[in-house]
Amino acid sequence: MVDQKSVLSGQNAIVASYTSLTGYTKLQAVKHLETQQEDIPWADHINKVITMLESLKTIQSSATDMISLSDFQVNLNEISLKGKVSQLSLIYANDPVTQAPSLWDRFSSLDFIKDMNIQTYDKVGDNNYFEFVLHAKVFNNGGK
């Protein structure tokens, strides 16, 4: 029994020396972070954005109404795009004839988008259209 207690005491001392190492505490921190990490379903996000944009292309625009989107930028935290519209109501109002959702409603219906905003609208010269940049934050795990 005495021999076993001395072996156990020696092993406990070895374990204590390992757990006091900086590398061990870093390893434990990484293991903890790995258990907290969730996968970001970017393939689903991209497909939803493409589907939404394809539905925008099917809308018949009149000679006076125009929506043009460009310069998409996507990262893990934000989506942004530049746009041009002939009337500001095209951003926010549903189509009165077809009842198709507005540009704003289409983006806000994406389940991984939050905190959308357009900070400024710039009327461009005599061209009779407005330029804007839409920014939206991205939920890292889609809907949480």
N, C-alpha and C. Protein backbone atom coordinates (compact mmCIF):
# COMPACT_ATOMS: atom_id res chain seq x y z
N MET A 1 0.81 -1.19 0.00
CA MET A 1 0.00 0.00 0.00
C MET A 1 0.86 1.26 0.00
N VAL A 2 1.91 1.22 0.81
CA VAL A 2 2.80 2.37 0.91
C VAL A 2 3.48 2.61 -0.42
N ASP A 3 3.90 1.52 -1.10
CA ASP A 3 4.54 1.66 -2.41
C ASP A 3 3.57 2.27 -3.42
N GLN A 4 2.32 1.81 -3.40
CA GLN A 4 1.32 2.33 -4.33
C GLN A 4 1.04 3.80 -4.08
N LYS A 5 1.00 4.20 -2.80
CA LYS A 5 0.77 5.60 -2.47
C LYS A 5 1.93 6.47 -2.94
N SER A 6 3.14 5.97 -2.85
CA SER A 6 4.28 6.76 -3.31
C SER A 6 4.29 6.86 -4.82
N VAL A 7 3.89 5.79 -5.54
CA VAL A 7 3.78 5.84 -7.01
C VAL A 7 2.70 6.83 -7.40
N LEU A 8 1.55 6.76 -6.72
CA LEU A 8 0.45 7.69 -7.01
C LEU A 8 0.86 9.12 -6.72
N SER A 9 1.56 9.34 -5.66
CA SER A 9 2.03 10.68 -5.31
C SER A 9 2.98 11.20 -6.38
N GLY A 10 3.87 10.36 -6.88
CA GLY A 10 4.80 10.74 -7.94
C GLY A 10 4.05 11.08 -9.24
N GLN A 11 3.05 10.26 -9.57
CA GLN A 11 2.27 10.51 -10.78
C GLN A 11 1.45 11.80 -10.65
N ASN A 12 0.91 12.06 -9.47
CA ASN A 12 0.17 13.30 -9.24
C ASN A 12 1.09 14.51 -9.39
N ALA A 13 2.33 14.39 -8.94
CA ALA A 13 3.30 15.48 -9.07
C ALA A 13 3.61 15.72 -10.55
N ILE A 14 3.74 14.66 -11.33
CA ILE A 14 4.00 14.79 -12.78
C ILE A 14 2.81 15.47 -13.46
N VAL A 15 1.59 15.04 -13.13
CA VAL A 15 0.38 15.64 -13.70
C VAL A 15 0.30 17.12 -13.33
N ALA A 16 0.59 17.44 -12.10
CA ALA A 16 0.56 18.85 -11.66
C ALA A 16 1.58 19.68 -12.42
N SER A 17 2.75 19.11 -12.70
CA SER A 17 3.76 19.86 -13.45
C SER A 17 3.32 20.08 -14.89
N TYR A 18 2.63 19.09 -15.49
CA TYR A 18 2.13 19.26 -16.85
C TYR A 18 1.01 20.30 -16.90
N THR A 19 0.10 20.26 -15.95
CA THR A 19 -1.04 21.20 -15.99
C THR A 19 -0.61 22.63 -15.70
N SER A 20 0.55 22.81 -15.11
CA SER A 20 1.02 24.18 -14.85
C SER A 20 1.76 24.76 -16.05
N LEU A 21 2.03 23.98 -17.06
CA LEU A 21 2.71 24.49 -18.26
C LEU A 21 1.79 25.40 -19.06
N THR A 22 2.36 26.43 -19.67
CA THR A 22 1.58 27.36 -20.49
C THR A 22 0.95 26.65 -21.67
N GLY A 23 1.68 25.74 -22.29
CA GLY A 23 1.16 24.99 -23.43
C GLY A 23 -0.07 24.19 -23.08
N TYR A 24 -0.11 23.64 -21.89
CA TYR A 24 -1.27 22.87 -21.46
C TYR A 24 -2.50 23.76 -21.32
N THR A 25 -2.33 24.93 -20.72
CA THR A 25 -3.48 25.83 -20.57
C THR A 25 -3.96 26.34 -21.93
N LYS A 26 -3.03 26.55 -22.86
CA LYS A 26 -3.43 26.95 -24.22
C LYS A 26 -4.20 25.83 -24.90
N LEU A 27 -3.73 24.60 -24.73
CA LEU A 27 -4.42 23.45 -25.31
C LEU A 27 -5.84 23.34 -24.76
N GLN A 28 -6.00 23.53 -23.47
CA GLN A 28 -7.33 23.47 -22.87
C GLN A 28 -8.22 24.60 -23.39
N ALA A 29 -7.64 25.77 -23.58
CA ALA A 29 -8.42 26.89 -24.12
C ALA A 29 -8.87 26.60 -25.54
N VAL A 30 -7.99 26.03 -26.36
CA VAL A 30 -8.34 25.68 -27.74
C VAL A 30 -9.43 24.61 -27.75
N LYS A 31 -9.31 23.63 -26.90
CA LYS A 31 -10.35 22.59 -26.82
C LYS A 31 -11.69 23.18 -26.44
N HIS A 32 -11.68 24.13 -25.51
CA HIS A 32 -12.92 24.78 -25.11
C HIS A 32 -13.52 25.58 -26.28
N LEU A 33 -12.67 26.32 -27.00
CA LEU A 33 -13.15 27.08 -28.15
C LEU A 33 -13.73 26.17 -29.23
N GLU A 34 -13.10 25.03 -29.45
CA GLU A 34 -13.59 24.10 -30.46
C GLU A 34 -14.97 23.58 -30.12
N THR A 35 -15.26 23.41 -28.84
CA THR A 35 -16.60 22.94 -28.46
C THR A 35 -17.63 24.04 -28.63
N GLN A 36 -17.21 25.30 -28.61
CA GLN A 36 -18.13 26.43 -28.74
C GLN A 36 -18.35 26.84 -30.20
N GLN A 37 -17.48 26.39 -31.08
CA GLN A 37 -17.52 26.81 -32.48
C GLN A 37 -18.65 26.11 -33.21
N GLU A 38 -19.32 26.87 -34.08
CA GLU A 38 -20.35 26.32 -34.93
C GLU A 38 -19.97 26.57 -36.38
N ASP A 39 -20.30 25.62 -37.24
CA ASP A 39 -19.99 25.78 -38.65
C ASP A 39 -20.90 26.84 -39.27
N ILE A 40 -20.36 27.59 -40.18
CA ILE A 40 -21.11 28.62 -40.89
C ILE A 40 -21.58 27.99 -42.21
N PRO A 41 -22.87 27.92 -42.42
CA PRO A 41 -23.38 27.26 -43.63
C PRO A 41 -23.31 28.17 -44.85
N TRP A 42 -22.08 28.53 -45.27
CA TRP A 42 -21.93 29.48 -46.36
C TRP A 42 -22.50 29.00 -47.68
N ALA A 43 -22.45 27.70 -47.93
CA ALA A 43 -23.02 27.20 -49.19
C ALA A 43 -24.51 27.51 -49.23
N ASP A 44 -25.21 27.32 -48.11
CA ASP A 44 -26.64 27.65 -48.05
C ASP A 44 -26.86 29.15 -48.19
N HIS A 45 -26.03 29.95 -47.53
CA HIS A 45 -26.16 31.40 -47.59
C HIS A 45 -26.01 31.89 -49.04
N ILE A 46 -25.00 31.40 -49.70
CA ILE A 46 -24.73 31.83 -51.07
C ILE A 46 -25.89 31.44 -51.99
N ASN A 47 -26.39 30.21 -51.82
CA ASN A 47 -27.52 29.78 -52.64
C ASN A 47 -28.75 30.64 -52.42
N LYS A 48 -29.00 31.03 -51.17
CA LYS A 48 -30.16 31.88 -50.87
C LYS A 48 -30.00 33.26 -51.50
N VAL A 49 -28.80 33.81 -51.46
CA VAL A 49 -28.56 35.12 -52.07
C VAL A 49 -28.73 35.02 -53.58
N ILE A 50 -28.20 33.98 -54.19
CA ILE A 50 -28.33 33.81 -55.65
C ILE A 50 -29.78 33.65 -56.04
N THR A 51 -30.53 32.86 -55.30
CA THR A 51 -31.96 32.68 -55.57
C THR A 51 -32.71 34.01 -55.48
N MET A 52 -32.40 34.77 -54.44
CA MET A 52 -33.04 36.07 -54.26
C MET A 52 -32.70 37.01 -55.41
N LEU A 53 -31.44 37.02 -55.83
CA LEU A 53 -31.04 37.89 -56.94
C LEU A 53 -31.65 37.45 -58.26
N GLU A 54 -31.77 36.14 -58.46
CA GLU A 54 -32.41 35.64 -59.68
C GLU A 54 -33.87 36.06 -59.73
N SER A 55 -34.53 36.07 -58.57
CA SER A 55 -35.93 36.50 -58.55
C SER A 55 -36.05 37.99 -58.88
N LEU A 56 -35.05 38.78 -58.53
CA LEU A 56 -35.05 40.20 -58.90
C LEU A 56 -34.95 40.38 -60.41
N LYS A 57 -34.20 39.50 -61.07
CA LYS A 57 -34.03 39.61 -62.52
C LYS A 57 -35.32 39.34 -63.27
N THR A 58 -36.23 38.56 -62.66
CA THR A 58 -37.46 38.22 -63.36
C THR A 58 -38.51 39.31 -63.29
N ILE A 59 -38.28 40.33 -62.48
CA ILE A 59 -39.24 41.43 -62.36
C ILE A 59 -39.16 42.28 -63.62
N GLN A 60 -40.31 42.52 -64.19
CA GLN A 60 -40.38 43.37 -65.38
C GLN A 60 -40.33 44.83 -64.93
N SER A 61 -39.34 45.54 -65.40
CA SER A 61 -39.26 46.96 -65.04
C SER A 61 -39.88 47.80 -66.15
N SER A 62 -40.47 48.89 -65.75
CA SER A 62 -41.05 49.79 -66.74
C SER A 62 -39.94 50.66 -67.32
N ALA A 63 -40.31 51.49 -68.28
CA ALA A 63 -39.31 52.36 -68.92
C ALA A 63 -38.75 53.37 -67.93
N THR A 64 -39.52 53.71 -66.89
CA THR A 64 -39.05 54.72 -65.94
C THR A 64 -38.48 54.12 -64.66
N ASP A 65 -38.83 52.89 -64.33
CA ASP A 65 -38.35 52.26 -63.09
C ASP A 65 -37.13 51.40 -63.38
N MET A 66 -36.09 51.60 -62.58
CA MET A 66 -34.84 50.88 -62.81
C MET A 66 -34.19 50.55 -61.47
N ILE A 67 -33.77 49.28 -61.32
CA ILE A 67 -32.96 48.85 -60.18
C ILE A 67 -31.71 48.20 -60.75
N SER A 68 -30.56 48.64 -60.29
CA SER A 68 -29.30 48.05 -60.72
C SER A 68 -28.45 47.80 -59.47
N LEU A 69 -27.96 46.57 -59.32
CA LEU A 69 -27.13 46.22 -58.16
C LEU A 69 -25.75 45.80 -58.64
N SER A 70 -24.73 46.18 -57.87
CA SER A 70 -23.36 45.83 -58.26
C SER A 70 -22.47 45.80 -57.03
N ASP A 71 -21.23 45.48 -57.25
CA ASP A 71 -20.17 45.53 -56.24
C ASP A 71 -20.53 44.82 -54.93
N PHE A 72 -20.96 43.57 -55.06
CA PHE A 72 -21.25 42.78 -53.86
C PHE A 72 -19.96 42.50 -53.13
N GLN A 73 -19.97 42.69 -51.83
CA GLN A 73 -18.83 42.34 -50.99
C GLN A 73 -19.37 41.49 -49.84
N VAL A 74 -18.76 40.33 -49.67
CA VAL A 74 -19.22 39.40 -48.65
C VAL A 74 -18.02 38.97 -47.82
N ASN A 75 -18.18 39.03 -46.50
CA ASN A 75 -17.19 38.42 -45.62
C ASN A 75 -17.95 37.74 -44.49
N LEU A 76 -17.25 37.23 -43.51
CA LEU A 76 -17.91 36.47 -42.46
C LEU A 76 -18.82 37.32 -41.58
N ASN A 77 -18.67 38.64 -41.62
CA ASN A 77 -19.45 39.49 -40.73
C ASN A 77 -20.42 40.42 -41.44
N GLU A 78 -20.24 40.65 -42.75
CA GLU A 78 -21.06 41.65 -43.42
C GLU A 78 -21.23 41.35 -44.90
N ILE A 79 -22.37 41.77 -45.41
CA ILE A 79 -22.63 41.79 -46.85
C ILE A 79 -22.90 43.25 -47.20
N SER A 80 -22.35 43.70 -48.31
CA SER A 80 -22.69 45.04 -48.78
C SER A 80 -22.81 45.00 -50.30
N LEU A 81 -23.56 45.94 -50.82
CA LEU A 81 -23.71 46.05 -52.26
C LEU A 81 -24.03 47.49 -52.61
N LYS A 82 -23.65 47.86 -53.82
CA LYS A 82 -23.99 49.18 -54.33
C LYS A 82 -25.23 49.01 -55.21
N GLY A 83 -26.04 50.03 -55.20
CA GLY A 83 -27.24 49.98 -56.02
C GLY A 83 -27.57 51.32 -56.63
N LYS A 84 -28.37 51.27 -57.70
CA LYS A 84 -28.91 52.46 -58.34
C LYS A 84 -30.39 52.21 -58.54
N VAL A 85 -31.20 53.19 -58.22
CA VAL A 85 -32.64 53.10 -58.45
C VAL A 85 -33.14 54.41 -59.05
N SER A 86 -34.17 54.30 -59.86
CA SER A 86 -34.75 55.51 -60.45
C SER A 86 -35.65 56.22 -59.46
N GLN A 87 -36.20 55.48 -58.47
CA GLN A 87 -37.04 56.06 -57.42
C GLN A 87 -36.69 55.36 -56.11
N LEU A 88 -36.63 56.11 -55.03
CA LEU A 88 -36.31 55.51 -53.74
C LEU A 88 -37.38 54.51 -53.29
N SER A 89 -38.60 54.69 -53.75
CA SER A 89 -39.67 53.76 -53.37
C SER A 89 -39.39 52.34 -53.86
N LEU A 90 -38.57 52.19 -54.90
CA LEU A 90 -38.24 50.86 -55.41
C LEU A 90 -37.45 50.04 -54.39
N ILE A 91 -36.79 50.71 -53.48
CA ILE A 91 -36.04 50.00 -52.45
C ILE A 91 -36.98 49.44 -51.39
N TYR A 92 -38.00 50.22 -51.00
CA TYR A 92 -38.79 49.90 -49.83
C TYR A 92 -40.22 49.43 -50.09
N ALA A 93 -40.80 49.78 -51.23
CA ALA A 93 -42.21 49.49 -51.48
C ALA A 93 -42.37 48.24 -52.35
N ASN A 94 -43.36 47.43 -52.02
CA ASN A 94 -43.69 46.28 -52.85
C ASN A 94 -44.23 46.77 -54.19
N ASP A 95 -44.06 45.93 -55.21
CA ASP A 95 -44.57 46.29 -56.53
C ASP A 95 -46.10 46.35 -56.46
N PRO A 96 -46.70 47.49 -56.83
CA PRO A 96 -48.15 47.62 -56.70
C PRO A 96 -48.95 46.70 -57.63
N VAL A 97 -48.36 46.32 -58.75
CA VAL A 97 -49.07 45.48 -59.72
C VAL A 97 -48.92 44.00 -59.37
N THR A 98 -47.68 43.55 -59.22
CA THR A 98 -47.43 42.12 -59.00
C THR A 98 -47.36 41.74 -57.52
N GLN A 99 -47.32 42.74 -56.64
CA GLN A 99 -47.15 42.53 -55.20
C GLN A 99 -45.83 41.82 -54.87
N ALA A 100 -44.86 41.92 -55.78
CA ALA A 100 -43.53 41.34 -55.52
C ALA A 100 -42.88 42.12 -54.39
N PRO A 101 -42.17 41.43 -53.50
CA PRO A 101 -41.54 42.11 -52.35
C PRO A 101 -40.49 43.12 -52.80
N SER A 102 -40.30 44.13 -51.99
CA SER A 102 -39.30 45.16 -52.27
C SER A 102 -37.89 44.60 -52.12
N LEU A 103 -36.94 45.35 -52.60
CA LEU A 103 -35.53 44.98 -52.45
C LEU A 103 -35.19 44.81 -50.97
N TRP A 104 -35.64 45.76 -50.16
CA TRP A 104 -35.39 45.71 -48.71
C TRP A 104 -35.99 44.44 -48.10
N ASP A 105 -37.23 44.13 -48.45
CA ASP A 105 -37.90 42.94 -47.92
C ASP A 105 -37.21 41.66 -48.36
N ARG A 106 -36.72 41.64 -49.58
CA ARG A 106 -36.03 40.44 -50.07
C ARG A 106 -34.75 40.18 -49.27
N PHE A 107 -33.99 41.24 -49.03
CA PHE A 107 -32.76 41.05 -48.24
C PHE A 107 -33.08 40.72 -46.79
N SER A 108 -34.04 41.40 -46.20
CA SER A 108 -34.33 41.16 -44.79
C SER A 108 -34.96 39.79 -44.56
N SER A 109 -35.48 39.16 -45.61
CA SER A 109 -36.06 37.82 -45.44
C SER A 109 -34.99 36.72 -45.40
N LEU A 110 -33.76 37.05 -45.75
CA LEU A 110 -32.68 36.07 -45.64
C LEU A 110 -32.42 35.81 -44.16
N ASP A 111 -32.41 34.54 -43.77
CA ASP A 111 -32.37 34.20 -42.34
C ASP A 111 -31.02 34.42 -41.68
N PHE A 112 -30.01 34.81 -42.42
CA PHE A 112 -28.70 35.04 -41.83
C PHE A 112 -28.31 36.52 -41.83
N ILE A 113 -29.27 37.39 -42.12
CA ILE A 113 -29.04 38.83 -42.21
C ILE A 113 -29.64 39.53 -41.00
N LYS A 114 -28.93 40.53 -40.49
CA LYS A 114 -29.46 41.37 -39.41
C LYS A 114 -28.89 42.78 -39.57
N ASP A 115 -29.49 43.72 -38.92
CA ASP A 115 -29.00 45.10 -38.86
C ASP A 115 -28.68 45.69 -40.23
N MET A 116 -29.66 45.64 -41.13
CA MET A 116 -29.47 46.24 -42.45
C MET A 116 -29.58 47.75 -42.35
N ASN A 117 -28.83 48.44 -43.20
CA ASN A 117 -28.95 49.89 -43.26
C ASN A 117 -28.43 50.42 -44.58
N ILE A 118 -28.98 51.56 -44.93
CA ILE A 118 -28.49 52.36 -46.05
C ILE A 118 -28.25 53.74 -45.45
N GLN A 119 -27.00 54.15 -45.40
CA GLN A 119 -26.69 55.39 -44.70
C GLN A 119 -26.99 56.64 -45.52
N THR A 120 -26.74 56.58 -46.82
CA THR A 120 -26.98 57.77 -47.64
C THR A 120 -27.52 57.38 -49.01
N TYR A 121 -28.22 58.31 -49.60
CA TYR A 121 -28.69 58.20 -50.98
C TYR A 121 -28.13 59.40 -51.72
N ASP A 122 -27.53 59.17 -52.87
CA ASP A 122 -26.95 60.28 -53.63
C ASP A 122 -27.65 60.38 -54.98
N LYS A 123 -28.28 61.52 -55.23
CA LYS A 123 -28.89 61.75 -56.53
C LYS A 123 -27.77 62.09 -57.51
N VAL A 124 -27.76 61.37 -58.62
CA VAL A 124 -26.67 61.51 -59.58
C VAL A 124 -27.10 62.43 -60.71
N GLY A 125 -26.51 63.60 -60.72
CA GLY A 125 -26.66 64.58 -61.80
C GLY A 125 -28.03 64.66 -62.42
N ASP A 126 -28.04 64.76 -63.73
CA ASP A 126 -29.29 64.86 -64.50
C ASP A 126 -29.78 63.48 -64.93
N ASN A 127 -29.13 62.44 -64.44
CA ASN A 127 -29.50 61.08 -64.86
C ASN A 127 -30.77 60.58 -64.18
N ASN A 128 -31.26 61.32 -63.20
CA ASN A 128 -32.49 60.97 -62.50
C ASN A 128 -32.45 59.59 -61.86
N TYR A 129 -31.36 59.28 -61.18
CA TYR A 129 -31.33 58.07 -60.38
C TYR A 129 -30.54 58.32 -59.10
N PHE A 130 -30.76 57.44 -58.14
CA PHE A 130 -30.13 57.54 -56.83
C PHE A 130 -29.17 56.38 -56.64
N GLU A 131 -28.00 56.68 -56.10
CA GLU A 131 -27.04 55.64 -55.74
C GLU A 131 -27.08 55.44 -54.23
N PHE A 132 -26.85 54.20 -53.82
CA PHE A 132 -26.84 53.88 -52.39
C PHE A 132 -25.93 52.68 -52.15
N VAL A 133 -25.58 52.47 -50.90
CA VAL A 133 -24.84 51.27 -50.50
C VAL A 133 -25.62 50.63 -49.35
N LEU A 134 -26.01 49.39 -49.54
CA LEU A 134 -26.73 48.65 -48.51
C LEU A 134 -25.71 47.81 -47.74
N HIS A 135 -25.76 47.91 -46.43
CA HIS A 135 -24.89 47.12 -45.55
C HIS A 135 -25.78 46.24 -44.69
N ALA A 136 -25.35 45.01 -44.44
CA ALA A 136 -26.08 44.13 -43.53
C ALA A 136 -25.08 43.24 -42.80
N LYS A 137 -25.31 43.05 -41.53
CA LYS A 137 -24.48 42.14 -40.76
C LYS A 137 -24.95 40.71 -41.00
N VAL A 138 -24.03 39.77 -40.85
CA VAL A 138 -24.32 38.36 -41.10
C VAL A 138 -24.28 37.61 -39.77
N PHE A 139 -25.33 36.83 -39.52
CA PHE A 139 -25.28 35.91 -38.38
C PHE A 139 -24.30 34.81 -38.75
N ASN A 140 -23.37 34.51 -37.88
CA ASN A 140 -22.36 33.51 -38.19
C ASN A 140 -22.92 32.10 -38.27
N ASN A 141 -24.04 31.85 -37.62
CA ASN A 141 -24.59 30.50 -37.69
C ASN A 141 -26.01 30.50 -38.21
N GLY A 142 -26.36 31.48 -38.96
CA GLY A 142 -27.64 31.50 -39.66
C GLY A 142 -28.86 31.44 -38.76
N GLY A 143 -29.30 32.56 -38.27
CA GLY A 143 -30.54 32.62 -37.54
C GLY A 143 -30.42 32.62 -36.04
N LYS A 144 -29.22 32.66 -35.50
CA LYS A 144 -29.07 32.68 -34.04
C LYS A 144 -28.44 33.96 -33.60
